[in-house]
Structure formats: structure tokens, C-alpha cells
Amino acid sequence: MSVQRRPTMYDVAALAGVSHQTVSRYLRADPTVGADTSVRIKAAVDELGYRPNLMARAMRTRSTGAVAIILPGWTGPERTVAAACEEAQRLGYQVEIVIGVDEDPAELSRLADEILARGQVDGVLSVTPLTVDTHSAGVVVQTAEFDHRLRAVEAVAADEATMEEILERLADLGHRDFFHAAGPQDWRSAQLRKSGYLKACGRLGLRSHGVYDGPWHPDTGVEAVQSLADDTPVTAVVAASDHIAVGVMHAAFRRGWRVPEDLSVTGWDDLTLVRYGTPALSTVRVDRETSGRHGMRRLIAAIRNEPEPAPLPAAPTEIVFRDTTVPPRRR
């Protein structure tokens, strides 16, 4: 009986036509490895199905070769996480996914400390804001779109301008009476979207009939709509996320308000399912993949005591109006 052995770094080097030291540098994301060489090595890794021997590396380097990703339950971060996992594996790390029980930054920060204290991972990437920047037990990095620190402002600052543009486009359709179903205000992205909403209402002379803050959960949208009077003049609800927007549409249906005939609704994130709902949700498409890859590169650079990658520019966004936004009609 023949046994197929696991491919080694030397096999990758032979197939790519480089030294094993060059393969090692590639797996560490060493910038001195040329683009053409990187392409050849990646092709060899993919063809052979090569994965670094993490146990051997742990014995040699006293590193676990593993990282953890923390995410709360209702942020819709699957695209960010998928890209971060792909980047971690490319750099030779395994990933442990940890889902927090809630969105409270203090609780999730304590969870990060607990994970590091177990000694089973080298660092934690958090796809959610935490309350502290340093952790006594190890390395913690927050993805750019959710980071509280100044570099995060660069990545999510466009949220404010994008929200203003959403209201401008709704005003062009004829809407004048608005309501904002906002996200948790300890998240920088939620703060900026709320700020953009209020600025646009003031600048364009639109009437805001309130802001309802809550978690990134459909219940926030439900409660926001339930807070409106039966005879409310509101014709458009602008939600801070797709999950919240789904709750808005659910509550509107329960109240006998048709979307979009009686109430236009917008979300944020462009989750896959909302594209195929009936009606399909108008929303904001965001490049989560770039943020996830960049966050993981920052984490692994910190673990290896390497220079931090350059900050990302503002994440590109695209407003996508679909079936849930039409000119206002009287109920």
C-alpha cells in the first residue's frame, strides 16, 4: 500500500524553481520577494496543496502558528472574515473563529484577553471595536472599518459623506420626512452614519422625525418603526445596516405599511441575501475584503515584530438603489 507523503517547502521550492529560503520568505510576506517569484511560488503552493507544518514551526519558534478572529453575532462580517482567513492561511497561520455573545466592546475586550491567556494563539484580530488598545497577554488588532483609533477614521470617514449622498438621492426622489434607524453609538461607523444623516437633513432642509439607536440587529429596525405614530409623515427610513433595514421592513409589513409604496427603506453593507429579497433592498456596497486582508496583515506583522503595513485609504463605497426606494406616496 502506497502512502502519499505531505508536500514540503522543498517540494514547493523545486516546482517554483527557487530556493527553500525564498519560499520561507514568501510565506512570511517578506516584501523583498519579487512579484514574478511570488506568482510562481503561489502557483506551486496551490498545485501541491502545501500547508506549513505548524507543529514543527511551533517547536522551532515557540509560536503556535495560530490566530483568532473575534466577531459579534450581528455585524454581517462574513466577507471581511473570509478574506482575513484566506490571508492568514497564505501567511502560514491557522485561524480560530470566536463569536462573542454580544456587541459590548468591554465584554469583547475581556474575551480577547481570555483567548490570549490560554496560550493557544499568537494574536487576535477583532472584527468589532474593543475598549483598549493593548492587552497584557498578547497582540490584538482591530480591522480598520471598526477600529476606534485614528487610523480607523481614514477607513470609515467616507461613511458620513455616503450617508449624506443617500439622503440627497432620496430628496431628489421627492422625500422630505425621514427617520434614522441607527447602529450602536460606541461604533465609529455608526457614529459617522448618524452624523451624515443629521448633517444632510440640516443642509438640505429635510425634516428628521427622530433617530433610534440600537445594536446591529433586526430588532433595532423593528423597534424603530414601532416608535413611529400611526399618522407619521415619515416616508423614508434610513437604516445603518442591512440587518437593521430588514427589521424595518418586517415591522412596516406588520403595521400594514407597504415597502416601498408607503415607506422607502435603505440599508448598508449589501449582504448577499438582501439582493434577492422581495423587494430587493437599496443599500451601500462596501469593500470588506480589502479590510479583512489588511487587518490580518497588520496582526501578523505585529506578531512578528515587523513594520506595520501602510494604512488603507478610505474604503470605496457604492450606493445601490434597488426596489425599496421610490418617490413618496400618501398612505
C-alpha atoms as a PDB file:
ATOM      1  CA  MET A   1       0.000   0.000   0.000  1.00  0.00           C
ATOM      2  CA  SER A   2       1.456   3.336  -1.042  1.00  0.00           C
ATOM      3  CA  VAL A   3       1.146   6.332   1.248  1.00  0.00           C
ATOM      4  CA  GLN A   4       1.194   9.785  -0.275  1.00  0.00           C
ATOM      5  CA  ARG A   5       3.501  11.980   1.782  1.00  0.00           C
ATOM      6  CA  ARG A   6       2.668  15.548   2.710  1.00  0.00           C
ATOM      7  CA  PRO A   7       4.328  18.103   0.380  1.00  0.00           C
ATOM      8  CA  THR A   8       7.161  20.076   1.949  1.00  0.00           C
ATOM      9  CA  MET A   9       8.627  23.521   1.493  1.00  0.00           C
ATOM     10  CA  TYR A  10      11.418  21.893  -0.527  1.00  0.00           C
ATOM     11  CA  ASP A  11       8.832  20.467  -2.946  1.00  0.00           C
ATOM     12  CA  VAL A  12       7.332  23.932  -3.394  1.00  0.00           C
ATOM     13  CA  ALA A  13      10.798  25.404  -3.995  1.00  0.00           C
ATOM     14  CA  ALA A  14      11.652  22.757  -6.604  1.00  0.00           C
ATOM     15  CA  LEU A  15       8.396  23.259  -8.506  1.00  0.00           C
ATOM     16  CA  ALA A  16       8.690  27.051  -8.409  1.00  0.00           C
ATOM     17  CA  GLY A  17      12.375  26.999  -9.363  1.00  0.00           C
ATOM     18  CA  VAL A  18      13.535  28.903  -6.264  1.00  0.00           C
ATOM     19  CA  SER A  19      15.351  28.136  -3.027  1.00  0.00           C
ATOM     20  CA  HIS A  20      13.504  26.937   0.072  1.00  0.00           C
ATOM     21  CA  GLN A  21      14.697  30.114   1.805  1.00  0.00           C
ATOM     22  CA  THR A  22      12.802  32.154  -0.798  1.00  0.00           C
ATOM     23  CA  VAL A  23       9.652  30.090  -0.165  1.00  0.00           C
ATOM     24  CA  SER A  24      10.074  30.735   3.550  1.00  0.00           C
ATOM     25  CA  ARG A  25      10.352  34.470   2.927  1.00  0.00           C
ATOM     26  CA  TYR A  26       7.244  34.350   0.709  1.00  0.00           C
ATOM     27  CA  LEU A  27       5.250  32.633   3.470  1.00  0.00           C
ATOM     28  CA  ARG A  28       6.301  35.403   5.849  1.00  0.00           C
ATOM     29  CA  ALA A  29       5.038  38.014   3.331  1.00  0.00           C
ATOM     30  CA  ASP A  30       8.582  39.359   3.003  1.00  0.00           C
ATOM     31  CA  PRO A  31       8.356  42.374   0.637  1.00  0.00           C
ATOM     32  CA  THR A  32      11.775  41.543  -0.849  1.00  0.00           C
ATOM     33  CA  VAL A  33      10.241  38.598  -2.731  1.00  0.00           C
ATOM     34  CA  GLY A  34       9.584  39.837  -6.271  1.00  0.00           C
ATOM     35  CA  ALA A  35       6.144  39.832  -7.862  1.00  0.00           C
ATOM     36  CA  ASP A  36       7.019  37.253 -10.527  1.00  0.00           C
ATOM     37  CA  THR A  37       8.615  34.979  -7.950  1.00  0.00           C
ATOM     38  CA  SER A  38       5.576  35.314  -5.696  1.00  0.00           C
ATOM     39  CA  VAL A  39       3.288  34.276  -8.550  1.00  0.00           C
ATOM     40  CA  ARG A  40       5.389  31.153  -9.221  1.00  0.00           C
ATOM     41  CA  ILE A  41       5.518  30.194  -5.550  1.00  0.00           C
ATOM     42  CA  LYS A  42       1.772  30.702  -5.083  1.00  0.00           C
ATOM     43  CA  ALA A  43       1.085  28.541  -8.132  1.00  0.00           C
ATOM     44  CA  ALA A  44       3.339  25.818  -6.715  1.00  0.00           C
ATOM     45  CA  VAL A  45       1.671  26.029  -3.277  1.00  0.00           C
ATOM     46  CA  ASP A  46      -1.774  25.718  -4.863  1.00  0.00           C
ATOM     47  CA  GLU A  47      -0.777  22.881  -7.179  1.00  0.00           C
ATOM     48  CA  LEU A  48       0.825  20.829  -4.409  1.00  0.00           C
ATOM     49  CA  GLY A  49      -1.749  21.711  -1.752  1.00  0.00           C
ATOM     50  CA  TYR A  50       1.114  22.709   0.519  1.00  0.00           C
ATOM     51  CA  ARG A  51       0.353  23.810   4.091  1.00  0.00           C
ATOM     52  CA  PRO A  52       3.068  24.774   6.572  1.00  0.00           C
ATOM     53  CA  ASN A  53       3.782  22.236   9.309  1.00  0.00           C
ATOM     54  CA  LEU A  54       2.575  24.311  12.242  1.00  0.00           C
ATOM     55  CA  MET A  55       3.608  21.801  14.900  1.00  0.00           C
ATOM     56  CA  ALA A  56       7.202  21.768  13.683  1.00  0.00           C
ATOM     57  CA  ARG A  57       7.221  25.555  13.463  1.00  0.00           C
ATOM     58  CA  ALA A  58       5.826  25.849  16.994  1.00  0.00           C
ATOM     59  CA  MET A  59       8.648  23.674  18.360  1.00  0.00           C
ATOM     60  CA  ARG A  60      11.239  25.671  16.425  1.00  0.00           C
ATOM     61  CA  THR A  61       9.932  29.194  17.045  1.00  0.00           C
ATOM     62  CA  ARG A  62       7.861  28.804  20.230  1.00  0.00           C
ATOM     63  CA  SER A  63       4.925  30.159  18.253  1.00  0.00           C
ATOM     64  CA  THR A  64       1.530  28.440  17.977  1.00  0.00           C
ATOM     65  CA  GLY A  65       1.151  29.380  14.314  1.00  0.00           C
ATOM     66  CA  ALA A  66      -2.487  30.209  15.006  1.00  0.00           C
ATOM     67  CA  VAL A  67      -4.519  33.392  15.315  1.00  0.00           C
ATOM     68  CA  ALA A  68      -8.094  34.045  16.437  1.00  0.00           C
ATOM     69  CA  ILE A  69     -10.771  36.281  14.934  1.00  0.00           C
ATOM     70  CA  ILE A  70     -13.409  37.764  17.260  1.00  0.00           C
ATOM     71  CA  LEU A  71     -16.746  38.875  15.879  1.00  0.00           C
ATOM     72  CA  PRO A  72     -20.117  39.695  17.421  1.00  0.00           C
ATOM     73  CA  GLY A  73     -23.230  37.939  16.216  1.00  0.00           C
ATOM     74  CA  TRP A  74     -24.979  40.552  14.071  1.00  0.00           C
ATOM     75  CA  THR A  75     -22.381  42.629  12.225  1.00  0.00           C
ATOM     76  CA  GLY A  76     -22.565  40.842   8.890  1.00  0.00           C
ATOM     77  CA  PRO A  77     -18.761  40.454   8.706  1.00  0.00           C
ATOM     78  CA  GLU A  78     -18.613  37.276   6.668  1.00  0.00           C
ATOM     79  CA  ARG A  79     -16.807  38.876   3.708  1.00  0.00           C
ATOM     80  CA  THR A  80     -14.269  40.564   5.998  1.00  0.00           C
ATOM     81  CA  VAL A  81     -13.642  37.314   7.878  1.00  0.00           C
ATOM     82  CA  ALA A  82     -13.367  35.178   4.744  1.00  0.00           C
ATOM     83  CA  ALA A  83     -10.705  37.493   3.291  1.00  0.00           C
ATOM     84  CA  ALA A  84      -8.835  37.616   6.635  1.00  0.00           C
ATOM     85  CA  CYS A  85      -8.824  33.800   6.855  1.00  0.00           C
ATOM     86  CA  GLU A  86      -7.514  33.494   3.311  1.00  0.00           C
ATOM     87  CA  GLU A  87      -4.705  35.956   4.088  1.00  0.00           C
ATOM     88  CA  ALA A  88      -3.815  34.157   7.334  1.00  0.00           C
ATOM     89  CA  GLN A  89      -3.559  30.812   5.541  1.00  0.00           C
ATOM     90  CA  ARG A  90      -1.444  32.376   2.802  1.00  0.00           C
ATOM     91  CA  LEU A  91       0.945  33.593   5.510  1.00  0.00           C
ATOM     92  CA  GLY A  92       1.057  30.161   7.152  1.00  0.00           C
ATOM     93  CA  TYR A  93      -1.372  30.597  10.051  1.00  0.00           C
ATOM     94  CA  GLN A  94      -4.400  28.640  11.165  1.00  0.00           C
ATOM     95  CA  VAL A  95      -7.483  30.572  12.270  1.00  0.00           C
ATOM     96  CA  GLU A  96      -9.833  30.073  15.192  1.00  0.00           C
ATOM     97  CA  ILE A  97     -13.171  31.880  14.874  1.00  0.00           C
ATOM     98  CA  VAL A  98     -14.689  33.152  18.126  1.00  0.00           C
ATOM     99  CA  ILE A  99     -18.209  34.615  18.126  1.00  0.00           C
ATOM    100  CA  GLY A 100     -18.976  36.887  21.071  1.00  0.00           C
ATOM    101  CA  VAL A 101     -22.312  36.739  22.864  1.00  0.00           C
ATOM    102  CA  ASP A 102     -22.999  40.436  22.354  1.00  0.00           C
ATOM    103  CA  GLU A 103     -21.584  43.644  20.857  1.00  0.00           C
ATOM    104  CA  ASP A 104     -20.387  45.344  24.045  1.00  0.00           C
ATOM    105  CA  PRO A 105     -16.774  46.475  23.467  1.00  0.00           C
ATOM    106  CA  ALA A 106     -15.795  45.932  27.115  1.00  0.00           C
ATOM    107  CA  GLU A 107     -17.080  42.340  27.126  1.00  0.00           C
ATOM    108  CA  LEU A 108     -15.426  41.544  23.802  1.00  0.00           C
ATOM    109  CA  SER A 109     -12.167  43.091  25.006  1.00  0.00           C
ATOM    110  CA  ARG A 110     -12.222  40.791  28.039  1.00  0.00           C
ATOM    111  CA  LEU A 111     -12.900  37.875  25.695  1.00  0.00           C
ATOM    112  CA  ALA A 112      -9.790  38.777  23.688  1.00  0.00           C
ATOM    113  CA  ASP A 113      -7.699  38.733  26.870  1.00  0.00           C
ATOM    114  CA  GLU A 114      -9.115  35.341  27.857  1.00  0.00           C
ATOM    115  CA  ILE A 115      -8.278  33.842  24.457  1.00  0.00           C
ATOM    116  CA  LEU A 116      -4.696  35.127  24.610  1.00  0.00           C
ATOM    117  CA  ALA A 117      -4.248  33.965  28.196  1.00  0.00           C
ATOM    118  CA  ARG A 118      -4.917  30.359  27.124  1.00  0.00           C
ATOM    119  CA  GLY A 119      -1.705  30.480  25.069  1.00  0.00           C
ATOM    120  CA  GLN A 120      -3.268  28.676  22.108  1.00  0.00           C
ATOM    121  CA  VAL A 121      -2.984  31.553  19.618  1.00  0.00           C
ATOM    122  CA  ASP A 122      -0.328  34.160  18.859  1.00  0.00           C
ATOM    123  CA  GLY A 123      -2.738  37.043  18.368  1.00  0.00           C
ATOM    124  CA  VAL A 124      -6.347  38.148  17.923  1.00  0.00           C
ATOM    125  CA  LEU A 125      -7.951  40.038  15.044  1.00  0.00           C
ATOM    126  CA  SER A 126     -11.158  41.727  16.189  1.00  0.00           C
ATOM    127  CA  VAL A 127     -13.877  42.491  13.649  1.00  0.00           C
ATOM    128  CA  THR A 128     -15.542  44.701  16.251  1.00  0.00           C
ATOM    129  CA  PRO A 129     -14.423  47.674  18.380  1.00  0.00           C
ATOM    130  CA  LEU A 130     -12.683  46.965  21.685  1.00  0.00           C
ATOM    131  CA  THR A 131     -12.236  49.287  24.643  1.00  0.00           C
ATOM    132  CA  VAL A 132      -8.431  49.100  24.911  1.00  0.00           C
ATOM    133  CA  ASP A 133      -5.517  49.189  22.503  1.00  0.00           C
ATOM    134  CA  THR A 134      -3.118  47.000  24.492  1.00  0.00           C
ATOM    135  CA  HIS A 135      -3.607  43.586  26.064  1.00  0.00           C
ATOM    136  CA  SER A 136      -1.262  42.163  28.657  1.00  0.00           C
ATOM    137  CA  ALA A 137      -1.339  38.610  27.277  1.00  0.00           C
ATOM    138  CA  GLY A 138      -0.516  39.245  23.633  1.00  0.00           C
ATOM    139  CA  VAL A 139      -1.240  41.006  20.348  1.00  0.00           C
ATOM    140  CA  VAL A 140      -4.703  42.310  19.436  1.00  0.00           C
ATOM    141  CA  VAL A 141      -5.503  44.181  16.208  1.00  0.00           C
ATOM    142  CA  GLN A 142      -8.852  45.589  15.135  1.00  0.00           C
ATOM    143  CA  THR A 143      -9.920  45.649  11.482  1.00  0.00           C
ATOM    144  CA  ALA A 144      -9.807  49.132  10.037  1.00  0.00           C
ATOM    145  CA  GLU A 145     -13.513  49.666   9.444  1.00  0.00           C
ATOM    146  CA  PHE A 146     -14.290  49.027  13.123  1.00  0.00           C
ATOM    147  CA  ASP A 147     -11.178  50.436  14.806  1.00  0.00           C
ATOM    148  CA  HIS A 148     -11.586  53.216  17.413  1.00  0.00           C
ATOM    149  CA  ARG A 149      -8.102  54.606  16.775  1.00  0.00           C
ATOM    150  CA  LEU A 150      -7.187  57.386  14.355  1.00  0.00           C
ATOM    151  CA  ARG A 151      -6.250  55.041  11.526  1.00  0.00           C
ATOM    152  CA  ALA A 152      -9.856  53.799  11.560  1.00  0.00           C
ATOM    153  CA  VAL A 153     -11.146  57.274  10.805  1.00  0.00           C
ATOM    154  CA  GLU A 154      -9.330  57.101   7.471  1.00  0.00           C
ATOM    155  CA  ALA A 155     -11.080  53.839   6.606  1.00  0.00           C
ATOM    156  CA  VAL A 156     -14.644  54.761   7.615  1.00  0.00           C
ATOM    157  CA  ALA A 157     -14.658  58.551   7.235  1.00  0.00           C
ATOM    158  CA  ALA A 158     -16.383  58.106   3.877  1.00  0.00           C
ATOM    159  CA  ASP A 159     -19.424  56.755   5.754  1.00  0.00           C
ATOM    160  CA  GLU A 160     -20.500  60.281   6.687  1.00  0.00           C
ATOM    161  CA  ALA A 161     -20.339  61.571   3.117  1.00  0.00           C
ATOM    162  CA  THR A 162     -22.009  58.422   1.778  1.00  0.00           C
ATOM    163  CA  MET A 163     -24.916  58.818   4.184  1.00  0.00           C
ATOM    164  CA  GLU A 164     -25.323  62.429   3.092  1.00  0.00           C
ATOM    165  CA  GLU A 165     -25.426  61.269  -0.528  1.00  0.00           C
ATOM    166  CA  ILE A 166     -28.143  58.712   0.293  1.00  0.00           C
ATOM    167  CA  LEU A 167     -30.359  61.484   1.675  1.00  0.00           C
ATOM    168  CA  GLU A 168     -29.593  63.681  -1.323  1.00  0.00           C
ATOM    169  CA  ARG A 169     -30.744  60.927  -3.661  1.00  0.00           C
ATOM    170  CA  LEU A 170     -33.886  60.284  -1.627  1.00  0.00           C
ATOM    171  CA  ALA A 171     -34.598  64.031  -1.606  1.00  0.00           C
ATOM    172  CA  ASP A 172     -34.220  64.022  -5.398  1.00  0.00           C
ATOM    173  CA  LEU A 173     -36.982  61.396  -5.461  1.00  0.00           C
ATOM    174  CA  GLY A 174     -39.186  63.825  -3.517  1.00  0.00           C
ATOM    175  CA  HIS A 175     -38.783  62.637   0.093  1.00  0.00           C
ATOM    176  CA  ARG A 176     -38.829  65.327   2.791  1.00  0.00           C
ATOM    177  CA  ASP A 177     -39.718  63.420   6.004  1.00  0.00           C
ATOM    178  CA  PHE A 178     -37.097  60.998   7.338  1.00  0.00           C
ATOM    179  CA  PHE A 179     -36.268  58.698  10.243  1.00  0.00           C
ATOM    180  CA  HIS A 180     -32.889  57.093  11.026  1.00  0.00           C
ATOM    181  CA  ALA A 181     -32.608  53.580  12.473  1.00  0.00           C
ATOM    182  CA  ALA A 182     -29.043  53.933  13.742  1.00  0.00           C
ATOM    183  CA  GLY A 183     -26.434  51.446  14.952  1.00  0.00           C
ATOM    184  CA  PRO A 184     -24.676  51.259  18.356  1.00  0.00           C
ATOM    185  CA  GLN A 185     -23.013  54.582  19.079  1.00  0.00           C
ATOM    186  CA  ASP A 186     -19.849  53.027  20.507  1.00  0.00           C
ATOM    187  CA  TRP A 187     -19.031  52.018  16.924  1.00  0.00           C
ATOM    188  CA  ARG A 188     -17.262  54.676  14.868  1.00  0.00           C
ATOM    189  CA  SER A 189     -19.097  53.653  11.691  1.00  0.00           C
ATOM    190  CA  ALA A 190     -22.493  54.094  13.383  1.00  0.00           C
ATOM    191  CA  GLN A 191     -21.455  57.494  14.718  1.00  0.00           C
ATOM    192  CA  LEU A 192     -20.418  58.710  11.280  1.00  0.00           C
ATOM    193  CA  ARG A 193     -23.558  57.441   9.545  1.00  0.00           C
ATOM    194  CA  LYS A 194     -25.724  59.176  12.129  1.00  0.00           C
ATOM    195  CA  SER A 195     -23.691  62.365  11.755  1.00  0.00           C
ATOM    196  CA  GLY A 196     -24.081  62.231   7.968  1.00  0.00           C
ATOM    197  CA  TYR A 197     -27.838  61.777   8.342  1.00  0.00           C
ATOM    198  CA  LEU A 198     -28.192  64.790  10.639  1.00  0.00           C
ATOM    199  CA  LYS A 199     -25.904  66.963   8.520  1.00  0.00           C
ATOM    200  CA  ALA A 200     -27.828  66.177   5.347  1.00  0.00           C
ATOM    201  CA  CYS A 201     -31.168  66.924   6.986  1.00  0.00           C
ATOM    202  CA  GLY A 202     -29.877  70.309   8.142  1.00  0.00           C
ATOM    203  CA  ARG A 203     -28.135  71.211   4.901  1.00  0.00           C
ATOM    204  CA  LEU A 204     -30.989  70.174   2.613  1.00  0.00           C
ATOM    205  CA  GLY A 205     -33.830  71.463   4.786  1.00  0.00           C
ATOM    206  CA  LEU A 206     -35.246  67.950   5.293  1.00  0.00           C
ATOM    207  CA  ARG A 207     -37.392  67.037   8.293  1.00  0.00           C
ATOM    208  CA  SER A 208     -35.935  64.416  10.635  1.00  0.00           C
ATOM    209  CA  HIS A 209     -38.596  62.802  12.806  1.00  0.00           C
ATOM    210  CA  GLY A 210     -36.089  61.099  15.043  1.00  0.00           C
ATOM    211  CA  VAL A 211     -33.128  58.749  15.434  1.00  0.00           C
ATOM    212  CA  TYR A 212     -33.384  55.350  17.102  1.00  0.00           C
ATOM    213  CA  ASP A 213     -30.062  53.894  18.320  1.00  0.00           C
ATOM    214  CA  GLY A 214     -29.598  50.174  18.879  1.00  0.00           C
ATOM    215  CA  PRO A 215     -27.460  47.083  18.211  1.00  0.00           C
ATOM    216  CA  TRP A 216     -26.640  45.776  14.730  1.00  0.00           C
ATOM    217  CA  HIS A 217     -29.718  43.565  14.884  1.00  0.00           C
ATOM    218  CA  PRO A 218     -33.089  43.408  13.103  1.00  0.00           C
ATOM    219  CA  ASP A 219     -34.778  44.124  16.440  1.00  0.00           C
ATOM    220  CA  THR A 220     -33.407  47.671  16.260  1.00  0.00           C
ATOM    221  CA  GLY A 221     -35.252  48.215  12.994  1.00  0.00           C
ATOM    222  CA  VAL A 222     -38.424  46.668  14.413  1.00  0.00           C
ATOM    223  CA  GLU A 223     -38.328  48.893  17.491  1.00  0.00           C
ATOM    224  CA  ALA A 224     -37.551  51.979  15.390  1.00  0.00           C
ATOM    225  CA  VAL A 225     -40.677  51.505  13.273  1.00  0.00           C
ATOM    226  CA  GLN A 226     -42.774  50.643  16.315  1.00  0.00           C
ATOM    227  CA  SER A 227     -41.779  54.004  17.818  1.00  0.00           C
ATOM    228  CA  LEU A 228     -43.474  55.895  14.949  1.00  0.00           C
ATOM    229  CA  ALA A 229     -47.034  57.161  15.301  1.00  0.00           C
ATOM    230  CA  ASP A 230     -49.780  55.716  13.126  1.00  0.00           C
ATOM    231  CA  ASP A 231     -50.145  59.048  11.348  1.00  0.00           C
ATOM    232  CA  THR A 232     -46.392  59.691  10.977  1.00  0.00           C
ATOM    233  CA  PRO A 233     -45.449  61.782   7.961  1.00  0.00           C
ATOM    234  CA  VAL A 234     -42.203  59.775   7.552  1.00  0.00           C
ATOM    235  CA  THR A 235     -41.823  58.430   4.017  1.00  0.00           C
ATOM    236  CA  ALA A 236     -38.227  57.133   4.209  1.00  0.00           C
ATOM    237  CA  VAL A 237     -36.339  55.211   6.894  1.00  0.00           C
ATOM    238  CA  VAL A 238     -32.562  55.203   6.510  1.00  0.00           C
ATOM    239  CA  ALA A 239     -31.018  52.251   8.361  1.00  0.00           C
ATOM    240  CA  ALA A 240     -27.374  51.984   9.437  1.00  0.00           C
ATOM    241  CA  SER A 241     -27.086  48.348   8.311  1.00  0.00           C
ATOM    242  CA  ASP A 242     -28.846  45.742   6.214  1.00  0.00           C
ATOM    243  CA  HIS A 243     -29.768  43.732   9.295  1.00  0.00           C
ATOM    244  CA  ILE A 244     -31.475  46.758  10.805  1.00  0.00           C
ATOM    245  CA  ALA A 245     -33.176  47.528   7.487  1.00  0.00           C
ATOM    246  CA  VAL A 246     -34.630  44.016   7.359  1.00  0.00           C
ATOM    247  CA  GLY A 247     -36.166  44.657  10.784  1.00  0.00           C
ATOM    248  CA  VAL A 248     -37.580  47.957   9.492  1.00  0.00           C
ATOM    249  CA  MET A 249     -39.286  46.223   6.568  1.00  0.00           C
ATOM    250  CA  HIS A 250     -40.634  43.459   8.805  1.00  0.00           C
ATOM    251  CA  ALA A 251     -42.174  45.955  11.250  1.00  0.00           C
ATOM    252  CA  ALA A 252     -43.595  48.060   8.409  1.00  0.00           C
ATOM    253  CA  PHE A 253     -45.318  44.970   6.995  1.00  0.00           C
ATOM    254  CA  ARG A 254     -46.763  44.185  10.435  1.00  0.00           C
ATOM    255  CA  ARG A 255     -48.203  47.701  10.603  1.00  0.00           C
ATOM    256  CA  GLY A 256     -49.744  47.445   7.172  1.00  0.00           C
ATOM    257  CA  TRP A 257     -47.270  49.828   5.570  1.00  0.00           C
ATOM    258  CA  ARG A 258     -46.103  48.754   2.135  1.00  0.00           C
ATOM    259  CA  VAL A 259     -42.422  48.953   1.164  1.00  0.00           C
ATOM    260  CA  PRO A 260     -41.698  50.897  -0.972  1.00  0.00           C
ATOM    261  CA  GLU A 261     -45.171  52.309  -1.774  1.00  0.00           C
ATOM    262  CA  ASP A 262     -45.730  53.699   1.735  1.00  0.00           C
ATOM    263  CA  LEU A 263     -42.192  53.658   3.087  1.00  0.00           C
ATOM    264  CA  SER A 264     -38.845  53.730   1.294  1.00  0.00           C
ATOM    265  CA  VAL A 265     -36.049  51.903   3.139  1.00  0.00           C
ATOM    266  CA  THR A 266     -32.263  51.831   2.732  1.00  0.00           C
ATOM    267  CA  GLY A 267     -29.625  49.668   4.398  1.00  0.00           C
ATOM    268  CA  TRP A 268     -25.825  49.399   4.441  1.00  0.00           C
ATOM    269  CA  ASP A 269     -23.411  46.513   3.646  1.00  0.00           C
ATOM    270  CA  ASP A 270     -25.034  44.831   0.608  1.00  0.00           C
ATOM    271  CA  LEU A 271     -25.366  41.431   2.253  1.00  0.00           C
ATOM    272  CA  THR A 272     -25.958  38.682  -0.281  1.00  0.00           C
ATOM    273  CA  LEU A 273     -29.471  37.805   0.884  1.00  0.00           C
ATOM    274  CA  VAL A 274     -30.855  41.348   0.640  1.00  0.00           C
ATOM    275  CA  ARG A 275     -30.100  41.391  -3.087  1.00  0.00           C
ATOM    276  CA  TYR A 276     -32.581  38.556  -3.580  1.00  0.00           C
ATOM    277  CA  GLY A 277     -35.350  39.622  -1.200  1.00  0.00           C
ATOM    278  CA  THR A 278     -38.746  40.813  -2.381  1.00  0.00           C
ATOM    279  CA  PRO A 279     -38.423  43.720  -2.596  1.00  0.00           C
ATOM    280  CA  ALA A 280     -34.643  43.837  -3.073  1.00  0.00           C
ATOM    281  CA  LEU A 281     -33.098  46.247  -0.573  1.00  0.00           C
ATOM    282  CA  SER A 282     -31.450  49.519  -1.576  1.00  0.00           C
ATOM    283  CA  THR A 283     -28.127  49.642   0.252  1.00  0.00           C
ATOM    284  CA  VAL A 284     -24.427  50.585   0.264  1.00  0.00           C
ATOM    285  CA  ARG A 285     -21.851  48.204  -1.168  1.00  0.00           C
ATOM    286  CA  VAL A 286     -18.551  48.254   0.788  1.00  0.00           C
ATOM    287  CA  ASP A 287     -15.186  46.619   0.044  1.00  0.00           C
ATOM    288  CA  ARG A 288     -14.938  44.395   3.132  1.00  0.00           C
ATOM    289  CA  GLU A 289     -12.436  42.013   1.572  1.00  0.00           C
ATOM    290  CA  THR A 290      -9.624  44.563   1.397  1.00  0.00           C
ATOM    291  CA  SER A 291     -10.192  45.496   5.037  1.00  0.00           C
ATOM    292  CA  GLY A 292     -10.105  41.868   6.154  1.00  0.00           C
ATOM    293  CA  ARG A 293      -6.865  41.117   4.328  1.00  0.00           C
ATOM    294  CA  HIS A 294      -5.252  44.323   5.586  1.00  0.00           C
ATOM    295  CA  GLY A 295      -6.331  43.656   9.175  1.00  0.00           C
ATOM    296  CA  MET A 296      -4.792  40.185   9.116  1.00  0.00           C
ATOM    297  CA  ARG A 297      -1.539  41.544   7.623  1.00  0.00           C
ATOM    298  CA  ARG A 298      -1.392  44.097  10.453  1.00  0.00           C
ATOM    299  CA  LEU A 299      -1.928  41.381  13.056  1.00  0.00           C
ATOM    300  CA  ILE A 300       0.737  39.037  11.695  1.00  0.00           C
ATOM    301  CA  ALA A 301       3.200  41.914  11.258  1.00  0.00           C
ATOM    302  CA  ALA A 302       2.677  42.788  14.932  1.00  0.00           C
ATOM    303  CA  ILE A 303       3.148  39.149  15.987  1.00  0.00           C
ATOM    304  CA  ARG A 304       6.422  39.004  14.032  1.00  0.00           C
ATOM    305  CA  ASN A 305       7.593  42.420  15.231  1.00  0.00           C
ATOM    306  CA  GLU A 306       7.651  43.649  11.635  1.00  0.00           C
ATOM    307  CA  PRO A 307       6.751  47.163  10.424  1.00  0.00           C
ATOM    308  CA  GLU A 308       3.016  47.787  10.240  1.00  0.00           C
ATOM    309  CA  PRO A 309       1.542  47.891   6.713  1.00  0.00           C
ATOM    310  CA  ALA A 310       0.617  51.327   5.405  1.00  0.00           C
ATOM    311  CA  PRO A 311      -2.900  52.449   6.401  1.00  0.00           C
ATOM    312  CA  LEU A 312      -5.720  51.825   3.968  1.00  0.00           C
ATOM    313  CA  PRO A 313      -7.294  54.754   2.143  1.00  0.00           C
ATOM    314  CA  ALA A 314     -10.995  55.319   2.664  1.00  0.00           C
ATOM    315  CA  ALA A 315     -12.863  52.144   1.766  1.00  0.00           C
ATOM    316  CA  PRO A 316     -14.655  52.596  -1.555  1.00  0.00           C
ATOM    317  CA  THR A 317     -18.443  52.573  -1.260  1.00  0.00           C
ATOM    318  CA  GLU A 318     -21.199  52.419  -3.853  1.00  0.00           C
ATOM    319  CA  ILE A 319     -24.836  53.355  -3.263  1.00  0.00           C
ATOM    320  CA  VAL A 320     -27.101  50.783  -4.906  1.00  0.00           C
ATOM    321  CA  PHE A 321     -30.757  51.782  -5.184  1.00  0.00           C
ATOM    322  CA  ARG A 322     -32.996  48.789  -5.852  1.00  0.00           C
ATOM    323  CA  ASP A 323     -36.686  48.064  -5.206  1.00  0.00           C
ATOM    324  CA  THR A 324     -37.120  49.626  -1.761  1.00  0.00           C
ATOM    325  CA  THR A 325     -36.668  53.270  -2.812  1.00  0.00           C
ATOM    326  CA  VAL A 326     -39.285  55.090  -4.905  1.00  0.00           C
ATOM    327  CA  PRO A 327     -40.856  58.577  -4.900  1.00  0.00           C
ATOM    328  CA  PRO A 328     -43.105  59.113  -1.843  1.00  0.00           C
ATOM    329  CA  ARG A 329     -46.836  58.493  -1.934  1.00  0.00           C
ATOM    330  CA  ARG A 330     -49.530  59.319   0.567  1.00  0.00           C
ATOM    331  CA  ARG A 331     -50.591  56.486   2.894  1.00  0.00           C
END
